[in-house]
Structure formats: structure tokens, C-alpha cells
Amino acid sequence: MKTIVVFLAAVALSGAAHAQNSASHDAHHSAGAKAAQASNSLTKGEVRKVDKEAGKVTIKHGPLENLGMPAMTMVYRVKDPAMLDQLKAGDKIDFAADKINGAYTVTQVKPAR
């Protein structure tokens, strides 16, 4: 009888440990999915300045969730210098930015809707 009780206790504990590991694993994936979604979402902004020689653009924008950044005006590098050909001061845009090699960089930009 003792053997059955010990066996049932071991089965119950291993099931609880598996459930905990599964919950932790699922939480890890949903956090990663949220981060990926945030980095792919576009933020509204207004171009303040374009500096083609330096490969930079100044943007006044709303919060950038993926970077934990509040609304502000900031200078960004651009992933592709050709992006700067599409922009001029005063343009309303939707854009995405990320931190690449330690620099805040615009990775996507399009005219605002």
C-alpha cells in the first residue's frame, strides 16, 4: 500500500512540474510574439529634418513600444539611405525603428494614411 501511495505522489508531482514548465514555455513564446509584433508595428511621426549626407532623419513621433521610448523628437539613422529620397521636412509618416549595432535606426517608412 505504501508503494502505491509513493508512486501516486511521484506521478502527481511530475505532472505539476510538467504543467509549470509548459506554462513557463508558453509565457516565453507569447512574450517573444509580443516583442515581434511591437517591432513590426508602425508609429506615427512627422519629419522635422532630413540630412542625406549623414544618412539621418529627425522625426517627431509617438511612443515606440518596441524600444520602450516615449513620444519625442529624435534623430535616427536609416537602414537604407534611399529612404531619405522619399522624405522632406513636414511629411507625415508611419515608420518603424529598431536599435541596430547600438544606433536607433529607421527600418521602415511610408507616407501616413
N, C-alpha and C. Protein backbone atom coordinates (compact mmCIF):
# COMPACT_ATOMS: atom_id res chain seq x y z
N MET A 1 0.82 -1.19 0.00
CA MET A 1 0.00 0.00 0.00
C MET A 1 0.86 1.25 0.00
N LYS A 2 1.98 1.22 0.81
CA LYS A 2 2.90 2.36 0.84
C LYS A 2 3.46 2.63 -0.54
N THR A 3 3.77 1.59 -1.27
CA THR A 3 4.36 1.73 -2.60
C THR A 3 3.40 2.45 -3.53
N ILE A 4 2.13 2.14 -3.45
CA ILE A 4 1.12 2.78 -4.31
C ILE A 4 1.00 4.25 -3.96
N VAL A 5 1.00 4.60 -2.68
CA VAL A 5 0.90 5.99 -2.25
C VAL A 5 2.12 6.78 -2.73
N VAL A 6 3.30 6.22 -2.57
CA VAL A 6 4.53 6.88 -3.02
C VAL A 6 4.51 7.05 -4.53
N PHE A 7 4.08 6.02 -5.25
CA PHE A 7 4.00 6.08 -6.70
C PHE A 7 3.03 7.18 -7.14
N LEU A 8 1.85 7.24 -6.53
CA LEU A 8 0.85 8.26 -6.90
C LEU A 8 1.35 9.66 -6.57
N ALA A 9 2.06 9.81 -5.47
CA ALA A 9 2.61 11.12 -5.11
C ALA A 9 3.66 11.54 -6.14
N ALA A 10 4.49 10.61 -6.58
CA ALA A 10 5.52 10.92 -7.58
C ALA A 10 4.89 11.31 -8.91
N VAL A 11 3.84 10.62 -9.31
CA VAL A 11 3.14 10.94 -10.55
C VAL A 11 2.51 12.32 -10.45
N ALA A 12 1.89 12.62 -9.33
CA ALA A 12 1.25 13.93 -9.14
C ALA A 12 2.29 15.05 -9.20
N LEU A 13 3.43 14.87 -8.55
CA LEU A 13 4.49 15.88 -8.56
C LEU A 13 5.07 16.07 -9.95
N SER A 14 5.29 14.99 -10.69
CA SER A 14 5.86 15.13 -12.03
C SER A 14 4.86 15.83 -12.95
N GLY A 15 3.57 15.59 -12.78
CA GLY A 15 2.55 16.28 -13.57
C GLY A 15 2.53 17.77 -13.27
N ALA A 16 2.68 18.13 -12.00
CA ALA A 16 2.70 19.54 -11.61
C ALA A 16 3.94 20.23 -12.18
N ALA A 17 5.08 19.55 -12.14
CA ALA A 17 6.31 20.13 -12.69
C ALA A 17 6.18 20.32 -14.20
N HIS A 18 5.58 19.36 -14.89
CA HIS A 18 5.38 19.48 -16.33
C HIS A 18 4.45 20.64 -16.65
N ALA A 19 3.39 20.79 -15.90
CA ALA A 19 2.45 21.89 -16.12
C ALA A 19 3.15 23.24 -15.91
N GLN A 20 3.99 23.32 -14.89
CA GLN A 20 4.71 24.56 -14.62
C GLN A 20 5.68 24.87 -15.76
N ASN A 21 6.41 23.87 -16.23
CA ASN A 21 7.33 24.07 -17.35
C ASN A 21 6.60 24.48 -18.61
N SER A 22 5.44 23.88 -18.87
CA SER A 22 4.65 24.23 -20.05
C SER A 22 4.17 25.67 -19.95
N ALA A 23 3.72 26.09 -18.79
CA ALA A 23 3.24 27.46 -18.61
C ALA A 23 4.38 28.45 -18.81
N SER A 24 5.55 28.11 -18.29
CA SER A 24 6.72 28.96 -18.45
C SER A 24 7.11 29.04 -19.93
N HIS A 25 7.08 27.93 -20.62
CA HIS A 25 7.42 27.86 -22.03
C HIS A 25 6.44 28.69 -22.85
N ASP A 26 5.14 28.57 -22.58
CA ASP A 26 4.12 29.34 -23.30
C ASP A 26 4.29 30.83 -23.05
N ALA A 27 4.59 31.21 -21.81
CA ALA A 27 4.78 32.62 -21.47
C ALA A 27 5.97 33.17 -22.22
N HIS A 28 7.02 32.39 -22.34
CA HIS A 28 8.21 32.80 -23.08
C HIS A 28 7.86 33.08 -24.54
N HIS A 29 7.09 32.19 -25.16
CA HIS A 29 6.73 32.38 -26.56
C HIS A 29 5.79 33.56 -26.75
N SER A 30 4.84 33.76 -25.86
CA SER A 30 3.92 34.88 -26.04
C SER A 30 4.65 36.20 -25.83
N ALA A 31 5.66 36.25 -24.94
CA ALA A 31 6.44 37.47 -24.76
C ALA A 31 7.24 37.76 -26.02
N GLY A 32 7.81 36.74 -26.62
CA GLY A 32 8.56 36.92 -27.86
C GLY A 32 7.65 37.35 -29.00
N ALA A 33 6.45 36.80 -29.04
CA ALA A 33 5.50 37.18 -30.08
C ALA A 33 5.08 38.64 -29.92
N LYS A 34 4.89 39.07 -28.67
CA LYS A 34 4.52 40.47 -28.42
C LYS A 34 5.65 41.41 -28.83
N ALA A 35 6.88 41.03 -28.54
CA ALA A 35 8.02 41.86 -28.92
C ALA A 35 8.13 41.95 -30.44
N ALA A 36 7.93 40.84 -31.13
CA ALA A 36 7.99 40.85 -32.59
C ALA A 36 6.87 41.70 -33.16
N GLN A 37 5.68 41.59 -32.58
CA GLN A 37 4.55 42.39 -33.06
C GLN A 37 4.83 43.87 -32.83
N ALA A 38 5.39 44.22 -31.68
CA ALA A 38 5.67 45.63 -31.39
C ALA A 38 6.72 46.17 -32.33
N SER A 39 7.74 45.36 -32.66
CA SER A 39 8.78 45.86 -33.55
C SER A 39 8.28 45.99 -34.98
N ASN A 40 7.24 45.26 -35.35
CA ASN A 40 6.69 45.33 -36.70
C ASN A 40 5.60 46.39 -36.82
N SER A 41 5.09 46.91 -35.71
CA SER A 41 4.03 47.90 -35.80
C SER A 41 4.63 49.26 -36.13
N LEU A 42 3.86 50.06 -36.85
CA LEU A 42 4.33 51.37 -37.28
C LEU A 42 3.86 52.44 -36.31
N THR A 43 4.68 53.47 -36.18
CA THR A 43 4.40 54.60 -35.31
C THR A 43 4.21 55.84 -36.17
N LYS A 44 3.27 56.67 -35.78
CA LYS A 44 3.03 57.93 -36.49
C LYS A 44 4.13 58.93 -36.14
N GLY A 45 4.54 59.69 -37.15
CA GLY A 45 5.56 60.69 -36.92
C GLY A 45 5.49 61.81 -37.93
N GLU A 46 6.29 62.84 -37.69
CA GLU A 46 6.42 63.95 -38.63
C GLU A 46 7.91 64.22 -38.83
N VAL A 47 8.31 64.25 -40.08
CA VAL A 47 9.71 64.52 -40.41
C VAL A 47 10.00 65.98 -40.10
N ARG A 48 11.06 66.23 -39.33
CA ARG A 48 11.48 67.58 -38.98
C ARG A 48 12.67 68.02 -39.82
N LYS A 49 13.57 67.05 -40.13
CA LYS A 49 14.78 67.39 -40.88
C LYS A 49 15.31 66.14 -41.57
N VAL A 50 15.85 66.31 -42.77
CA VAL A 50 16.49 65.22 -43.49
C VAL A 50 17.93 65.62 -43.74
N ASP A 51 18.87 64.77 -43.32
CA ASP A 51 20.30 65.02 -43.52
C ASP A 51 20.85 63.86 -44.35
N LYS A 52 20.79 64.04 -45.69
CA LYS A 52 21.22 62.95 -46.59
C LYS A 52 22.71 62.65 -46.45
N GLU A 53 23.54 63.68 -46.25
CA GLU A 53 24.99 63.46 -46.13
C GLU A 53 25.32 62.56 -44.94
N ALA A 54 24.62 62.77 -43.83
CA ALA A 54 24.88 61.98 -42.62
C ALA A 54 24.06 60.69 -42.59
N GLY A 55 23.08 60.55 -43.51
CA GLY A 55 22.23 59.37 -43.52
C GLY A 55 21.28 59.33 -42.33
N LYS A 56 20.78 60.54 -41.96
CA LYS A 56 19.93 60.64 -40.76
C LYS A 56 18.67 61.45 -41.05
N VAL A 57 17.66 61.20 -40.21
CA VAL A 57 16.40 61.92 -40.29
C VAL A 57 15.95 62.25 -38.87
N THR A 58 15.43 63.46 -38.70
CA THR A 58 14.87 63.86 -37.40
C THR A 58 13.37 63.70 -37.48
N ILE A 59 12.81 62.98 -36.51
CA ILE A 59 11.37 62.67 -36.51
C ILE A 59 10.76 63.02 -35.16
N LYS A 60 9.64 63.75 -35.21
CA LYS A 60 8.80 63.95 -34.01
C LYS A 60 7.78 62.83 -34.07
N HIS A 61 7.72 62.02 -33.00
CA HIS A 61 6.89 60.81 -33.07
C HIS A 61 6.19 60.48 -31.77
N GLY A 62 5.24 59.55 -31.89
CA GLY A 62 4.56 58.98 -30.73
C GLY A 62 5.45 57.93 -30.09
N PRO A 63 4.94 57.24 -29.07
CA PRO A 63 5.72 56.23 -28.37
C PRO A 63 6.15 55.08 -29.29
N LEU A 64 7.37 54.62 -29.09
CA LEU A 64 7.87 53.43 -29.80
C LEU A 64 7.90 52.30 -28.78
N GLU A 65 6.86 51.48 -28.80
CA GLU A 65 6.70 50.41 -27.80
C GLU A 65 7.86 49.43 -27.80
N ASN A 66 8.34 49.03 -28.98
CA ASN A 66 9.39 48.02 -29.04
C ASN A 66 10.72 48.52 -28.46
N LEU A 67 10.89 49.84 -28.40
CA LEU A 67 12.12 50.40 -27.83
C LEU A 67 11.91 50.96 -26.43
N GLY A 68 10.67 50.90 -25.93
CA GLY A 68 10.36 51.45 -24.62
C GLY A 68 10.57 52.96 -24.59
N MET A 69 10.29 53.61 -25.70
CA MET A 69 10.58 55.04 -25.86
C MET A 69 9.28 55.85 -25.86
N PRO A 70 9.21 56.90 -25.05
CA PRO A 70 8.02 57.75 -25.07
C PRO A 70 8.01 58.65 -26.32
N ALA A 71 6.92 59.38 -26.50
CA ALA A 71 6.83 60.34 -27.61
C ALA A 71 7.93 61.38 -27.44
N MET A 72 8.58 61.74 -28.56
CA MET A 72 9.65 62.73 -28.52
C MET A 72 10.06 63.10 -29.93
N THR A 73 11.01 64.00 -30.04
CA THR A 73 11.66 64.31 -31.31
C THR A 73 13.08 63.81 -31.21
N MET A 74 13.52 63.04 -32.23
CA MET A 74 14.82 62.40 -32.14
C MET A 74 15.43 62.21 -33.52
N VAL A 75 16.75 62.18 -33.57
CA VAL A 75 17.48 61.92 -34.81
C VAL A 75 17.72 60.41 -34.92
N TYR A 76 17.43 59.87 -36.10
CA TYR A 76 17.61 58.44 -36.37
C TYR A 76 18.50 58.24 -37.58
N ARG A 77 19.25 57.16 -37.57
CA ARG A 77 19.89 56.68 -38.79
C ARG A 77 18.81 56.00 -39.61
N VAL A 78 19.10 55.74 -40.86
CA VAL A 78 18.16 54.99 -41.70
C VAL A 78 18.85 53.72 -42.17
N LYS A 79 18.08 52.65 -42.23
CA LYS A 79 18.63 51.35 -42.64
C LYS A 79 19.10 51.42 -44.10
N ASP A 80 18.33 52.12 -44.92
CA ASP A 80 18.65 52.25 -46.34
C ASP A 80 18.67 53.74 -46.70
N PRO A 81 19.81 54.29 -47.11
CA PRO A 81 19.88 55.72 -47.44
C PRO A 81 18.86 56.17 -48.49
N ALA A 82 18.39 55.25 -49.33
CA ALA A 82 17.39 55.59 -50.34
C ALA A 82 16.08 56.06 -49.69
N MET A 83 15.85 55.68 -48.44
CA MET A 83 14.64 56.13 -47.72
C MET A 83 14.60 57.65 -47.65
N LEU A 84 15.76 58.27 -47.53
CA LEU A 84 15.83 59.72 -47.37
C LEU A 84 15.36 60.46 -48.62
N ASP A 85 15.44 59.81 -49.78
CA ASP A 85 14.98 60.43 -51.02
C ASP A 85 13.46 60.61 -51.03
N GLN A 86 12.76 59.83 -50.22
CA GLN A 86 11.30 59.89 -50.16
C GLN A 86 10.80 60.92 -49.16
N LEU A 87 11.70 61.49 -48.36
CA LEU A 87 11.28 62.31 -47.22
C LEU A 87 11.69 63.77 -47.35
N LYS A 88 10.83 64.64 -46.78
CA LYS A 88 11.18 66.05 -46.65
C LYS A 88 10.54 66.57 -45.37
N ALA A 89 11.09 67.66 -44.84
CA ALA A 89 10.57 68.24 -43.60
C ALA A 89 9.08 68.53 -43.76
N GLY A 90 8.32 68.18 -42.73
CA GLY A 90 6.88 68.39 -42.72
C GLY A 90 6.06 67.18 -43.13
N ASP A 91 6.69 66.17 -43.74
CA ASP A 91 5.97 64.96 -44.14
C ASP A 91 5.42 64.23 -42.93
N LYS A 92 4.18 63.78 -43.03
CA LYS A 92 3.57 62.91 -42.03
C LYS A 92 3.86 61.48 -42.48
N ILE A 93 4.42 60.69 -41.56
CA ILE A 93 4.83 59.33 -41.91
C ILE A 93 4.36 58.30 -40.88
N ASP A 94 4.39 57.06 -41.29
CA ASP A 94 4.28 55.90 -40.41
C ASP A 94 5.62 55.20 -40.56
N PHE A 95 6.26 54.88 -39.43
CA PHE A 95 7.59 54.29 -39.51
C PHE A 95 7.82 53.27 -38.39
N ALA A 96 8.84 52.46 -38.62
CA ALA A 96 9.29 51.51 -37.61
C ALA A 96 10.77 51.77 -37.38
N ALA A 97 11.20 51.60 -36.14
CA ALA A 97 12.61 51.79 -35.80
C ALA A 97 13.05 50.67 -34.87
N ASP A 98 14.33 50.43 -34.87
CA ASP A 98 14.91 49.42 -34.01
C ASP A 98 16.32 49.88 -33.63
N LYS A 99 16.90 49.21 -32.66
CA LYS A 99 18.28 49.52 -32.28
C LYS A 99 19.17 48.53 -33.00
N ILE A 100 19.98 49.03 -33.95
CA ILE A 100 20.84 48.19 -34.77
C ILE A 100 22.28 48.63 -34.54
N ASN A 101 23.11 47.70 -34.11
CA ASN A 101 24.52 47.99 -33.81
C ASN A 101 24.66 49.20 -32.89
N GLY A 102 23.76 49.29 -31.91
CA GLY A 102 23.83 50.35 -30.91
C GLY A 102 23.22 51.68 -31.33
N ALA A 103 22.70 51.78 -32.55
CA ALA A 103 22.14 53.05 -33.03
C ALA A 103 20.65 52.89 -33.32
N TYR A 104 19.87 53.88 -32.92
CA TYR A 104 18.45 53.88 -33.25
C TYR A 104 18.31 54.14 -34.74
N THR A 105 17.63 53.20 -35.42
CA THR A 105 17.61 53.19 -36.87
C THR A 105 16.20 52.99 -37.40
N VAL A 106 15.80 53.83 -38.37
CA VAL A 106 14.52 53.66 -39.04
C VAL A 106 14.68 52.48 -39.99
N THR A 107 13.80 51.50 -39.84
CA THR A 107 13.87 50.29 -40.65
C THR A 107 12.79 50.24 -41.72
N GLN A 108 11.75 51.04 -41.54
CA GLN A 108 10.64 51.06 -42.49
C GLN A 108 9.99 52.43 -42.42
N VAL A 109 9.58 52.97 -43.55
CA VAL A 109 8.89 54.26 -43.56
C VAL A 109 7.95 54.31 -44.75
N LYS A 110 6.77 54.91 -44.53
CA LYS A 110 5.82 55.13 -45.61
C LYS A 110 4.97 56.34 -45.28
N PRO A 111 4.38 56.95 -46.29
CA PRO A 111 3.51 58.12 -46.03
C PRO A 111 2.37 57.72 -45.10
N ALA A 112 1.99 58.63 -44.20
CA ALA A 112 0.88 58.36 -43.27
C ALA A 112 -0.42 58.29 -44.03
N ARG A 113 -1.33 57.50 -43.52
CA ARG A 113 -2.66 57.38 -44.14
C ARG A 113 -3.57 58.42 -43.57
